[in-house]
Amino acid sequence: MTDQHTAEDTVRRPGDVPAGTPLTSLAQHRAEAGARLRTEHDRDQDAVVGDALTQLAVGEAIRRAVRSERGGMVAQALRLGATWDQVAAALDTTVLAAVDDLRVWAEGQRTLYHQHLAEDADVLVGLDEDAFAEVMKWVAFGLGQAAVEARDARTEQTPRLRAAVAGAPMVDTVGELRALLEQLPDEMPLSLDDHHRALPGEPNQVHTIHPRLVATVSGLATEAESTQPGLMLTQVYVPFPAEDEEQAAVATRSDLPAYGELPRAAYHLERGELRAGLKDVTEVLEELAHLVGEVAADFTEHDEDGSQLRVEAKRITHAAERVGKLADTVEEVAE
């Protein structure tokens, strides 16, 4: 049995829909295919599959068409007097997302206008510079409103976030981390500290993870630039054995230096703590001498290169010795 609809009505992919087809025609086409699937049960398999594919493909074509017109519809609503809050509610989204829809559409329309202008087209379609500037005023206003709303929301939620993070000074298991994250918003920025940190002078230590709130900047150098709280995870070495309260007191300290000679040297020297900093520099130089004179030199293809590396390693070792002596005798600036 041959179905009269198969050849002329089946749409296999969204691209089969002719450009400019009205949405009303697409909706009717899709509805007719659905109606045949529900009511005509004695057709051959190709016809049934064709209508099922038509529903899918035409539905996707409708979705794409509506999405492509979204920015233009936002502009029309604003032009007719709608507020950004009303537009966002109509789209069931945020003001910031609606603003971005308008911005993307306006930039595309300006590009289209200049393409037609360059081609000397009889009809210029899109936004010229004056019209584009007018739309961008709405964008700027919307961004300002979104920034105010975001700031107000952060102000309201910051105490709750601070309390949640403060309640987990040390996180040692996946379950503990999950329990913390469940109290924080999904969109909160997450980062890792560049350094492990430790209390200097502690002979016995064990590591833990310390979560803390930090200020993060989004939309840097744009009209949407804003600061919001983020979560940073830091690996901290704490005294062991010790009570949980003692370990937590160390983990939450904001002045812990980085764990490792080089970052620790920078930490001390930048604070004018010359003796402690120079001792760390001495250890860094000794490690460099070892890497250059023993590790790197052993991998050279020519003996002459290895010999030169060992000579340089000795120079670094001599520098380490001199810095080490200075660490014992240098006088720091009195505060």
C-alpha atoms as a PDB file:
ATOM      1  CA  MET A   1       0.000   0.000   0.000  1.00  0.00           C
ATOM      2  CA  THR A   2       1.419   3.390  -0.988  1.00  0.00           C
ATOM      3  CA  ASP A   3       0.723   6.363   1.281  1.00  0.00           C
ATOM      4  CA  GLN A   4       0.003   9.675  -0.446  1.00  0.00           C
ATOM      5  CA  HIS A   5       1.738  11.664   2.283  1.00  0.00           C
ATOM      6  CA  THR A   6       5.103   9.908   2.235  1.00  0.00           C
ATOM      7  CA  ALA A   7       6.757  11.506  -0.757  1.00  0.00           C
ATOM      8  CA  GLU A   8       5.597  15.060  -0.357  1.00  0.00           C
ATOM      9  CA  ASP A   9       5.313  15.515   3.396  1.00  0.00           C
ATOM     10  CA  THR A  10       8.172  13.538   4.980  1.00  0.00           C
ATOM     11  CA  VAL A  11      10.950  15.676   6.436  1.00  0.00           C
ATOM     12  CA  ARG A  12      13.985  13.609   7.335  1.00  0.00           C
ATOM     13  CA  ARG A  13      16.104  16.354   8.915  1.00  0.00           C
ATOM     14  CA  PRO A  14      15.632  20.010   9.931  1.00  0.00           C
ATOM     15  CA  GLY A  15      17.605  21.152   6.898  1.00  0.00           C
ATOM     16  CA  ASP A  16      14.897  19.721   4.624  1.00  0.00           C
ATOM     17  CA  VAL A  17      12.576  22.535   5.736  1.00  0.00           C
ATOM     18  CA  PRO A  18      12.767  25.409   3.210  1.00  0.00           C
ATOM     19  CA  ALA A  19      14.208  28.609   4.630  1.00  0.00           C
ATOM     20  CA  GLY A  20      11.583  31.145   5.595  1.00  0.00           C
ATOM     21  CA  THR A  21       8.791  28.628   6.083  1.00  0.00           C
ATOM     22  CA  PRO A  22       6.280  30.252   8.471  1.00  0.00           C
ATOM     23  CA  LEU A  23       6.113  28.748  11.942  1.00  0.00           C
ATOM     24  CA  THR A  24       2.361  28.258  11.501  1.00  0.00           C
ATOM     25  CA  SER A  25       3.007  26.051   8.465  1.00  0.00           C
ATOM     26  CA  LEU A  26       5.628  24.060  10.333  1.00  0.00           C
ATOM     27  CA  ALA A  27       3.325  23.553  13.287  1.00  0.00           C
ATOM     28  CA  GLN A  28       0.528  22.380  10.992  1.00  0.00           C
ATOM     29  CA  HIS A  29       2.896  20.017   9.145  1.00  0.00           C
ATOM     30  CA  ARG A  30       4.029  18.469  12.416  1.00  0.00           C
ATOM     31  CA  ALA A  31       0.466  18.195  13.727  1.00  0.00           C
ATOM     32  CA  GLU A  32      -0.701  16.428  10.552  1.00  0.00           C
ATOM     33  CA  ALA A  33       2.115  13.876  10.832  1.00  0.00           C
ATOM     34  CA  GLY A  34       1.180  13.252  14.454  1.00  0.00           C
ATOM     35  CA  ALA A  35      -2.482  12.880  13.571  1.00  0.00           C
ATOM     36  CA  ARG A  36      -1.704  10.257  10.931  1.00  0.00           C
ATOM     37  CA  LEU A  37       0.375   8.306  13.438  1.00  0.00           C
ATOM     38  CA  ARG A  38      -2.544   8.282  15.867  1.00  0.00           C
ATOM     39  CA  THR A  39      -5.370   7.487  13.440  1.00  0.00           C
ATOM     40  CA  GLU A  40      -4.031   5.669  10.342  1.00  0.00           C
ATOM     41  CA  HIS A  41      -2.911   2.224  11.474  1.00  0.00           C
ATOM     42  CA  ASP A  42      -3.053   0.288   8.172  1.00  0.00           C
ATOM     43  CA  ARG A  43      -0.145   1.989   6.412  1.00  0.00           C
ATOM     44  CA  ASP A  44       3.163   0.444   5.379  1.00  0.00           C
ATOM     45  CA  GLN A  45       6.245   0.683   7.553  1.00  0.00           C
ATOM     46  CA  ASP A  46       7.989   3.359   5.451  1.00  0.00           C
ATOM     47  CA  ALA A  47       5.045   5.720   5.767  1.00  0.00           C
ATOM     48  CA  VAL A  48       4.808   5.256   9.530  1.00  0.00           C
ATOM     49  CA  VAL A  49       8.549   5.798  10.014  1.00  0.00           C
ATOM     50  CA  GLY A  50       8.383   8.804   7.701  1.00  0.00           C
ATOM     51  CA  ASP A  51       5.741  10.502   9.828  1.00  0.00           C
ATOM     52  CA  ALA A  52       7.650   9.734  13.019  1.00  0.00           C
ATOM     53  CA  LEU A  53      10.795  11.289  11.558  1.00  0.00           C
ATOM     54  CA  THR A  54       8.767  14.252  10.313  1.00  0.00           C
ATOM     55  CA  GLN A  55       7.563  14.933  13.832  1.00  0.00           C
ATOM     56  CA  LEU A  56      11.142  14.902  15.104  1.00  0.00           C
ATOM     57  CA  ALA A  57      12.710  16.921  12.296  1.00  0.00           C
ATOM     58  CA  VAL A  58       9.977  19.537  11.999  1.00  0.00           C
ATOM     59  CA  GLY A  59       9.871  19.885  15.788  1.00  0.00           C
ATOM     60  CA  GLU A  60      13.616  20.579  15.788  1.00  0.00           C
ATOM     61  CA  ALA A  61      13.207  23.041  12.915  1.00  0.00           C
ATOM     62  CA  ILE A  62      10.553  24.883  14.949  1.00  0.00           C
ATOM     63  CA  ARG A  63      12.821  24.933  18.010  1.00  0.00           C
ATOM     64  CA  ARG A  64      15.693  26.366  15.969  1.00  0.00           C
ATOM     65  CA  ALA A  65      13.488  28.966  14.326  1.00  0.00           C
ATOM     66  CA  VAL A  66      12.064  30.139  17.635  1.00  0.00           C
ATOM     67  CA  ARG A  67      15.531  30.211  19.184  1.00  0.00           C
ATOM     68  CA  SER A  68      16.939  32.263  16.317  1.00  0.00           C
ATOM     69  CA  GLU A  69      14.111  34.794  16.696  1.00  0.00           C
ATOM     70  CA  ARG A  70      14.435  35.005  20.490  1.00  0.00           C
ATOM     71  CA  GLY A  71      16.708  38.029  20.571  1.00  0.00           C
ATOM     72  CA  GLY A  72      14.473  39.877  18.134  1.00  0.00           C
ATOM     73  CA  MET A  73      11.416  39.109  20.243  1.00  0.00           C
ATOM     74  CA  VAL A  74      13.231  40.375  23.338  1.00  0.00           C
ATOM     75  CA  ALA A  75      14.020  43.616  21.491  1.00  0.00           C
ATOM     76  CA  GLN A  76      10.402  43.957  20.403  1.00  0.00           C
ATOM     77  CA  ALA A  77       9.106  43.430  23.942  1.00  0.00           C
ATOM     78  CA  LEU A  78      11.484  46.037  25.352  1.00  0.00           C
ATOM     79  CA  ARG A  79      10.640  48.476  22.573  1.00  0.00           C
ATOM     80  CA  LEU A  80       6.958  48.127  23.422  1.00  0.00           C
ATOM     81  CA  GLY A  81       7.557  48.888  27.087  1.00  0.00           C
ATOM     82  CA  ALA A  82       8.245  45.544  28.800  1.00  0.00           C
ATOM     83  CA  THR A  83      10.732  45.524  31.676  1.00  0.00           C
ATOM     84  CA  TRP A  84      13.714  43.216  31.911  1.00  0.00           C
ATOM     85  CA  ASP A  85      12.055  41.388  34.808  1.00  0.00           C
ATOM     86  CA  GLN A  86       8.988  40.754  32.663  1.00  0.00           C
ATOM     87  CA  VAL A  87      11.111  39.552  29.738  1.00  0.00           C
ATOM     88  CA  ALA A  88      13.071  37.186  31.978  1.00  0.00           C
ATOM     89  CA  ALA A  89       9.842  35.829  33.489  1.00  0.00           C
ATOM     90  CA  ALA A  90       8.352  35.264  30.032  1.00  0.00           C
ATOM     91  CA  LEU A  91      11.424  33.267  29.044  1.00  0.00           C
ATOM     92  CA  ASP A  92      11.601  31.512  32.425  1.00  0.00           C
ATOM     93  CA  THR A  93      15.235  32.530  32.758  1.00  0.00           C
ATOM     94  CA  THR A  94      17.399  35.130  34.482  1.00  0.00           C
ATOM     95  CA  VAL A  95      17.746  38.764  33.473  1.00  0.00           C
ATOM     96  CA  LEU A  96      21.412  38.122  32.672  1.00  0.00           C
ATOM     97  CA  ALA A  97      20.568  35.262  30.310  1.00  0.00           C
ATOM     98  CA  ALA A  98      17.886  37.341  28.570  1.00  0.00           C
ATOM     99  CA  VAL A  99      20.339  40.220  28.183  1.00  0.00           C
ATOM    100  CA  ASP A 100      22.840  37.859  26.583  1.00  0.00           C
ATOM    101  CA  ASP A 101      20.190  36.671  24.115  1.00  0.00           C
ATOM    102  CA  LEU A 102      19.593  40.272  23.070  1.00  0.00           C
ATOM    103  CA  ARG A 103      23.318  41.049  22.814  1.00  0.00           C
ATOM    104  CA  VAL A 104      24.050  38.012  20.620  1.00  0.00           C
ATOM    105  CA  TRP A 105      21.094  38.801  18.362  1.00  0.00           C
ATOM    106  CA  ALA A 106      22.090  42.474  18.027  1.00  0.00           C
ATOM    107  CA  GLU A 107      25.682  41.615  17.121  1.00  0.00           C
ATOM    108  CA  GLY A 108      24.463  39.157  14.507  1.00  0.00           C
ATOM    109  CA  GLN A 109      22.051  41.710  13.053  1.00  0.00           C
ATOM    110  CA  ARG A 110      24.767  44.354  12.838  1.00  0.00           C
ATOM    111  CA  THR A 111      27.055  41.893  11.045  1.00  0.00           C
ATOM    112  CA  LEU A 112      24.232  41.044   8.623  1.00  0.00           C
ATOM    113  CA  TYR A 113      23.624  44.732   7.905  1.00  0.00           C
ATOM    114  CA  HIS A 114      27.283  45.391   7.074  1.00  0.00           C
ATOM    115  CA  GLN A 115      27.439  42.283   4.872  1.00  0.00           C
ATOM    116  CA  HIS A 116      24.496  43.565   2.831  1.00  0.00           C
ATOM    117  CA  LEU A 117      26.033  47.023   2.767  1.00  0.00           C
ATOM    118  CA  ALA A 118      29.312  45.641   1.393  1.00  0.00           C
ATOM    119  CA  GLU A 119      27.430  43.665  -1.249  1.00  0.00           C
ATOM    120  CA  ASP A 120      25.516  46.821  -2.284  1.00  0.00           C
ATOM    121  CA  ALA A 121      22.234  44.972  -1.747  1.00  0.00           C
ATOM    122  CA  ASP A 122      19.006  46.618  -2.844  1.00  0.00           C
ATOM    123  CA  VAL A 123      17.444  45.984   0.577  1.00  0.00           C
ATOM    124  CA  LEU A 124      19.530  46.356   3.731  1.00  0.00           C
ATOM    125  CA  VAL A 125      18.541  43.896   6.436  1.00  0.00           C
ATOM    126  CA  GLY A 126      19.784  44.021  10.035  1.00  0.00           C
ATOM    127  CA  LEU A 127      20.825  46.801  12.396  1.00  0.00           C
ATOM    128  CA  ASP A 128      22.776  49.844  11.305  1.00  0.00           C
ATOM    129  CA  GLU A 129      25.101  51.504  13.824  1.00  0.00           C
ATOM    130  CA  ASP A 130      22.428  53.812  15.228  1.00  0.00           C
ATOM    131  CA  ALA A 131      19.954  51.005  15.744  1.00  0.00           C
ATOM    132  CA  PHE A 132      22.665  48.780  17.200  1.00  0.00           C
ATOM    133  CA  ALA A 133      23.673  51.503  19.660  1.00  0.00           C
ATOM    134  CA  GLU A 134      20.055  51.839  20.755  1.00  0.00           C
ATOM    135  CA  VAL A 135      19.768  48.125  21.435  1.00  0.00           C
ATOM    136  CA  MET A 136      23.055  48.141  23.322  1.00  0.00           C
ATOM    137  CA  LYS A 137      21.588  50.758  25.679  1.00  0.00           C
ATOM    138  CA  TRP A 138      18.996  48.157  26.668  1.00  0.00           C
ATOM    139  CA  VAL A 139      21.811  45.636  27.073  1.00  0.00           C
ATOM    140  CA  ALA A 140      23.759  47.999  29.343  1.00  0.00           C
ATOM    141  CA  PHE A 141      20.670  48.707  31.426  1.00  0.00           C
ATOM    142  CA  GLY A 142      19.923  45.000  31.739  1.00  0.00           C
ATOM    143  CA  LEU A 143      23.499  44.213  32.750  1.00  0.00           C
ATOM    144  CA  GLY A 144      23.323  46.894  35.419  1.00  0.00           C
ATOM    145  CA  GLN A 145      20.063  45.490  36.762  1.00  0.00           C
ATOM    146  CA  ALA A 146      21.445  41.933  36.720  1.00  0.00           C
ATOM    147  CA  ALA A 147      24.557  43.069  38.594  1.00  0.00           C
ATOM    148  CA  VAL A 148      22.447  44.745  41.285  1.00  0.00           C
ATOM    149  CA  GLU A 149      20.246  41.669  41.648  1.00  0.00           C
ATOM    150  CA  ALA A 150      23.271  39.383  41.831  1.00  0.00           C
ATOM    151  CA  ARG A 151      24.919  41.592  44.441  1.00  0.00           C
ATOM    152  CA  ASP A 152      21.757  41.651  46.542  1.00  0.00           C
ATOM    153  CA  ALA A 153      21.419  37.877  46.286  1.00  0.00           C
ATOM    154  CA  ARG A 154      25.037  37.376  47.305  1.00  0.00           C
ATOM    155  CA  THR A 155      24.604  39.740  50.237  1.00  0.00           C
ATOM    156  CA  GLU A 156      21.663  37.673  51.441  1.00  0.00           C
ATOM    157  CA  GLN A 157      23.356  34.304  51.019  1.00  0.00           C
ATOM    158  CA  THR A 158      26.910  35.145  52.139  1.00  0.00           C
ATOM    159  CA  PRO A 159      26.261  34.614  55.890  1.00  0.00           C
ATOM    160  CA  ARG A 160      24.751  31.198  55.151  1.00  0.00           C
ATOM    161  CA  LEU A 161      27.668  30.236  52.901  1.00  0.00           C
ATOM    162  CA  ARG A 162      30.180  31.458  55.461  1.00  0.00           C
ATOM    163  CA  ALA A 163      28.518  29.388  58.177  1.00  0.00           C
ATOM    164  CA  ALA A 164      28.439  26.272  55.982  1.00  0.00           C
ATOM    165  CA  VAL A 165      32.131  26.508  55.133  1.00  0.00           C
ATOM    166  CA  ALA A 166      33.124  27.386  58.702  1.00  0.00           C
ATOM    167  CA  GLY A 167      31.347  24.242  59.834  1.00  0.00           C
ATOM    168  CA  ALA A 168      33.811  22.107  57.857  1.00  0.00           C
ATOM    169  CA  PRO A 169      37.312  23.408  58.689  1.00  0.00           C
ATOM    170  CA  MET A 170      38.864  20.089  57.690  1.00  0.00           C
ATOM    171  CA  VAL A 171      37.616  17.675  55.011  1.00  0.00           C
ATOM    172  CA  ASP A 172      39.233  14.254  54.949  1.00  0.00           C
ATOM    173  CA  THR A 173      36.736  12.048  53.102  1.00  0.00           C
ATOM    174  CA  VAL A 174      34.593  12.192  49.986  1.00  0.00           C
ATOM    175  CA  GLY A 175      31.514  12.015  52.182  1.00  0.00           C
ATOM    176  CA  GLU A 176      32.565  15.069  54.188  1.00  0.00           C
ATOM    177  CA  LEU A 177      33.238  17.010  51.002  1.00  0.00           C
ATOM    178  CA  ARG A 178      29.898  15.966  49.523  1.00  0.00           C
ATOM    179  CA  ALA A 179      28.084  17.069  52.679  1.00  0.00           C
ATOM    180  CA  LEU A 180      29.679  20.504  52.360  1.00  0.00           C
ATOM    181  CA  LEU A 181      29.008  20.884  48.639  1.00  0.00           C
ATOM    182  CA  GLU A 182      25.341  20.026  49.120  1.00  0.00           C
ATOM    183  CA  GLN A 183      25.031  23.230  51.171  1.00  0.00           C
ATOM    184  CA  LEU A 184      26.577  25.413  48.466  1.00  0.00           C
ATOM    185  CA  PRO A 185      25.062  26.638  45.164  1.00  0.00           C
ATOM    186  CA  ASP A 186      25.910  24.604  42.076  1.00  0.00           C
ATOM    187  CA  GLU A 187      27.164  27.684  40.219  1.00  0.00           C
ATOM    188  CA  MET A 188      29.654  28.699  42.939  1.00  0.00           C
ATOM    189  CA  PRO A 189      33.179  28.978  41.463  1.00  0.00           C
ATOM    190  CA  LEU A 190      35.608  26.290  42.659  1.00  0.00           C
ATOM    191  CA  SER A 191      39.398  26.601  42.747  1.00  0.00           C
ATOM    192  CA  LEU A 192      42.452  24.914  44.220  1.00  0.00           C
ATOM    193  CA  ASP A 193      45.148  26.730  46.151  1.00  0.00           C
ATOM    194  CA  ASP A 194      48.390  26.975  44.188  1.00  0.00           C
ATOM    195  CA  HIS A 195      50.375  25.716  47.189  1.00  0.00           C
ATOM    196  CA  HIS A 196      50.196  23.218  49.996  1.00  0.00           C
ATOM    197  CA  ARG A 197      50.527  25.003  53.314  1.00  0.00           C
ATOM    198  CA  ALA A 198      52.035  24.089  56.671  1.00  0.00           C
ATOM    199  CA  LEU A 199      52.982  25.502  60.042  1.00  0.00           C
ATOM    200  CA  PRO A 200      56.781  25.992  60.065  1.00  0.00           C
ATOM    201  CA  GLY A 201      58.772  24.050  62.646  1.00  0.00           C
ATOM    202  CA  GLU A 202      56.288  21.218  63.194  1.00  0.00           C
ATOM    203  CA  PRO A 203      58.233  17.916  63.096  1.00  0.00           C
ATOM    204  CA  ASN A 204      55.223  15.601  62.738  1.00  0.00           C
ATOM    205  CA  GLN A 205      52.381  16.570  60.458  1.00  0.00           C
ATOM    206  CA  VAL A 206      49.546  14.995  58.517  1.00  0.00           C
ATOM    207  CA  HIS A 207      47.667  16.560  55.616  1.00  0.00           C
ATOM    208  CA  THR A 208      44.014  17.573  55.465  1.00  0.00           C
ATOM    209  CA  ILE A 209      41.882  19.629  53.084  1.00  0.00           C
ATOM    210  CA  HIS A 210      40.758  23.051  54.272  1.00  0.00           C
ATOM    211  CA  PRO A 211      37.800  24.676  52.434  1.00  0.00           C
ATOM    212  CA  ARG A 212      37.490  28.447  52.603  1.00  0.00           C
ATOM    213  CA  LEU A 213      35.485  31.205  50.974  1.00  0.00           C
ATOM    214  CA  VAL A 214      37.353  33.515  48.610  1.00  0.00           C
ATOM    215  CA  ALA A 215      36.287  36.425  46.441  1.00  0.00           C
ATOM    216  CA  THR A 216      36.206  35.604  42.730  1.00  0.00           C
ATOM    217  CA  VAL A 217      35.722  37.977  39.817  1.00  0.00           C
ATOM    218  CA  SER A 218      33.542  37.086  36.843  1.00  0.00           C
ATOM    219  CA  GLY A 219      33.152  39.021  33.591  1.00  0.00           C
ATOM    220  CA  LEU A 220      36.530  40.676  34.098  1.00  0.00           C
ATOM    221  CA  ALA A 221      36.933  43.983  32.237  1.00  0.00           C
ATOM    222  CA  THR A 222      33.353  43.876  30.921  1.00  0.00           C
ATOM    223  CA  GLU A 223      30.174  45.703  31.837  1.00  0.00           C
ATOM    224  CA  ALA A 224      29.068  42.533  33.648  1.00  0.00           C
ATOM    225  CA  GLU A 225      32.153  42.387  35.898  1.00  0.00           C
ATOM    226  CA  SER A 226      31.205  41.369  39.421  1.00  0.00           C
ATOM    227  CA  THR A 227      32.652  39.795  42.542  1.00  0.00           C
ATOM    228  CA  GLN A 228      31.125  36.729  44.091  1.00  0.00           C
ATOM    229  CA  PRO A 229      32.079  34.186  46.750  1.00  0.00           C
ATOM    230  CA  GLY A 230      33.907  31.088  45.604  1.00  0.00           C
ATOM    231  CA  LEU A 231      35.172  27.942  47.289  1.00  0.00           C
ATOM    232  CA  MET A 232      38.912  27.288  47.458  1.00  0.00           C
ATOM    233  CA  LEU A 233      40.344  23.981  48.615  1.00  0.00           C
ATOM    234  CA  THR A 234      43.791  24.016  50.222  1.00  0.00           C
ATOM    235  CA  GLN A 235      45.896  21.047  51.248  1.00  0.00           C
ATOM    236  CA  VAL A 236      47.216  21.875  54.706  1.00  0.00           C
ATOM    237  CA  TYR A 237      49.657  19.993  56.911  1.00  0.00           C
ATOM    238  CA  VAL A 238      48.539  20.009  60.547  1.00  0.00           C
ATOM    239  CA  PRO A 239      50.214  18.729  63.725  1.00  0.00           C
ATOM    240  CA  PHE A 240      49.943  15.017  64.443  1.00  0.00           C
ATOM    241  CA  PRO A 241      49.087  13.576  66.856  1.00  0.00           C
ATOM    242  CA  ALA A 242      46.813  16.359  68.077  1.00  0.00           C
ATOM    243  CA  GLU A 243      43.192  16.996  69.001  1.00  0.00           C
ATOM    244  CA  ASP A 244      40.765  17.923  66.217  1.00  0.00           C
ATOM    245  CA  GLU A 245      40.373  21.420  67.657  1.00  0.00           C
ATOM    246  CA  GLU A 246      44.137  21.998  67.582  1.00  0.00           C
ATOM    247  CA  GLN A 247      44.426  20.723  64.025  1.00  0.00           C
ATOM    248  CA  ALA A 248      41.462  22.835  62.901  1.00  0.00           C
ATOM    249  CA  ALA A 249      43.011  25.922  64.503  1.00  0.00           C
ATOM    250  CA  VAL A 250      46.100  25.422  62.332  1.00  0.00           C
ATOM    251  CA  ALA A 251      44.162  24.530  59.157  1.00  0.00           C
ATOM    252  CA  THR A 252      42.074  27.702  59.314  1.00  0.00           C
ATOM    253  CA  ARG A 253      44.971  30.109  59.819  1.00  0.00           C
ATOM    254  CA  SER A 254      45.181  32.682  57.027  1.00  0.00           C
ATOM    255  CA  ASP A 255      48.925  33.287  57.468  1.00  0.00           C
ATOM    256  CA  LEU A 256      50.222  29.760  56.829  1.00  0.00           C
ATOM    257  CA  PRO A 257      53.222  29.809  54.485  1.00  0.00           C
ATOM    258  CA  ALA A 258      53.409  27.538  51.486  1.00  0.00           C
ATOM    259  CA  TYR A 259      54.859  24.068  52.033  1.00  0.00           C
ATOM    260  CA  GLY A 260      58.169  23.798  50.164  1.00  0.00           C
ATOM    261  CA  GLU A 261      61.447  25.699  50.316  1.00  0.00           C
ATOM    262  CA  LEU A 262      60.980  28.086  47.396  1.00  0.00           C
ATOM    263  CA  PRO A 263      57.461  29.387  48.148  1.00  0.00           C
ATOM    264  CA  ARG A 264      58.317  29.416  51.846  1.00  0.00           C
ATOM    265  CA  ALA A 265      61.443  31.487  51.117  1.00  0.00           C
ATOM    266  CA  ALA A 266      59.307  34.005  49.216  1.00  0.00           C
ATOM    267  CA  TYR A 267      56.818  34.083  52.078  1.00  0.00           C
ATOM    268  CA  HIS A 268      59.517  34.933  54.660  1.00  0.00           C
ATOM    269  CA  LEU A 269      61.558  37.329  52.527  1.00  0.00           C
ATOM    270  CA  GLU A 270      58.522  39.358  51.440  1.00  0.00           C
ATOM    271  CA  ARG A 271      57.803  39.908  55.119  1.00  0.00           C
ATOM    272  CA  GLY A 272      61.347  40.979  55.918  1.00  0.00           C
ATOM    273  CA  GLU A 273      62.119  37.734  57.765  1.00  0.00           C
ATOM    274  CA  LEU A 274      65.569  37.471  56.239  1.00  0.00           C
ATOM    275  CA  ARG A 275      67.151  34.726  58.300  1.00  0.00           C
ATOM    276  CA  ALA A 276      64.306  32.260  57.862  1.00  0.00           C
ATOM    277  CA  GLY A 277      63.954  33.177  54.192  1.00  0.00           C
ATOM    278  CA  LEU A 278      67.666  32.883  53.421  1.00  0.00           C
ATOM    279  CA  LYS A 279      67.822  29.462  55.082  1.00  0.00           C
ATOM    280  CA  ASP A 280      65.078  28.310  52.718  1.00  0.00           C
ATOM    281  CA  VAL A 281      66.951  29.862  49.777  1.00  0.00           C
ATOM    282  CA  THR A 282      70.017  27.868  50.847  1.00  0.00           C
ATOM    283  CA  GLU A 283      68.044  24.647  50.680  1.00  0.00           C
ATOM    284  CA  VAL A 284      66.665  25.597  47.250  1.00  0.00           C
ATOM    285  CA  LEU A 285      70.178  26.238  45.919  1.00  0.00           C
ATOM    286  CA  GLU A 286      71.436  22.941  47.312  1.00  0.00           C
ATOM    287  CA  GLU A 287      68.602  21.095  45.580  1.00  0.00           C
ATOM    288  CA  LEU A 288      69.355  22.915  42.311  1.00  0.00           C
ATOM    289  CA  ALA A 289      73.017  21.957  42.602  1.00  0.00           C
ATOM    290  CA  HIS A 290      72.005  18.326  43.011  1.00  0.00           C
ATOM    291  CA  LEU A 291      69.676  18.447  39.992  1.00  0.00           C
ATOM    292  CA  VAL A 292      72.245  20.141  37.744  1.00  0.00           C
ATOM    293  CA  GLY A 293      75.406  18.280  38.834  1.00  0.00           C
ATOM    294  CA  GLU A 294      74.083  14.797  39.438  1.00  0.00           C
ATOM    295  CA  VAL A 295      70.726  14.304  37.752  1.00  0.00           C
ATOM    296  CA  ALA A 296      71.076  16.373  34.561  1.00  0.00           C
ATOM    297  CA  ALA A 297      74.780  15.622  34.110  1.00  0.00           C
ATOM    298  CA  ASP A 298      74.120  11.875  34.057  1.00  0.00           C
ATOM    299  CA  PHE A 299      71.827  12.235  31.049  1.00  0.00           C
ATOM    300  CA  THR A 300      74.176  14.169  28.758  1.00  0.00           C
ATOM    301  CA  GLU A 301      75.377  12.460  25.606  1.00  0.00           C
ATOM    302  CA  HIS A 302      78.831  14.053  25.661  1.00  0.00           C
ATOM    303  CA  ASP A 303      81.178  13.932  28.615  1.00  0.00           C
ATOM    304  CA  GLU A 304      82.156  17.558  28.063  1.00  0.00           C
ATOM    305  CA  ASP A 305      78.571  18.705  28.634  1.00  0.00           C
ATOM    306  CA  GLY A 306      78.355  16.665  31.800  1.00  0.00           C
ATOM    307  CA  SER A 307      81.579  18.152  33.075  1.00  0.00           C
ATOM    308  CA  GLN A 308      80.364  21.688  32.424  1.00  0.00           C
ATOM    309  CA  LEU A 309      77.115  20.978  34.297  1.00  0.00           C
ATOM    310  CA  ARG A 310      79.083  19.674  37.287  1.00  0.00           C
ATOM    311  CA  VAL A 311      81.183  22.837  37.282  1.00  0.00           C
ATOM    312  CA  GLU A 312      78.032  24.946  37.330  1.00  0.00           C
ATOM    313  CA  ALA A 313      76.657  22.765  40.118  1.00  0.00           C
ATOM    314  CA  LYS A 314      79.732  23.509  42.220  1.00  0.00           C
ATOM    315  CA  ARG A 315      79.209  27.214  41.683  1.00  0.00           C
ATOM    316  CA  ILE A 316      75.608  26.875  42.823  1.00  0.00           C
ATOM    317  CA  THR A 317      76.824  24.920  45.857  1.00  0.00           C
ATOM    318  CA  HIS A 318      79.285  27.710  46.710  1.00  0.00           C
ATOM    319  CA  ALA A 319      76.469  30.227  46.397  1.00  0.00           C
ATOM    320  CA  ALA A 320      74.375  28.109  48.754  1.00  0.00           C
ATOM    321  CA  GLU A 321      77.209  28.085  51.294  1.00  0.00           C
ATOM    322  CA  ARG A 322      77.599  31.867  51.112  1.00  0.00           C
ATOM    323  CA  VAL A 323      73.851  32.468  51.462  1.00  0.00           C
ATOM    324  CA  GLY A 324      73.763  30.025  54.369  1.00  0.00           C
ATOM    325  CA  LYS A 325      76.453  31.990  56.196  1.00  0.00           C
ATOM    326  CA  LEU A 326      74.557  35.221  55.577  1.00  0.00           C
ATOM    327  CA  ALA A 327      71.425  33.615  57.003  1.00  0.00           C
ATOM    328  CA  ASP A 328      73.268  33.262  60.325  1.00  0.00           C
ATOM    329  CA  THR A 329      74.687  36.785  60.437  1.00  0.00           C
ATOM    330  CA  VAL A 330      72.375  39.112  58.517  1.00  0.00           C
ATOM    331  CA  GLU A 331      70.668  41.816  60.520  1.00  0.00           C
ATOM    332  CA  GLU A 332      67.031  42.487  59.770  1.00  0.00           C
ATOM    333  CA  VAL A 333      65.501  45.951  59.667  1.00  0.00           C
ATOM    334  CA  ALA A 334      64.089  46.774  63.083  1.00  0.00           C
ATOM    335  CA  GLU A 335      60.315  47.293  63.042  1.00  0.00           C
END
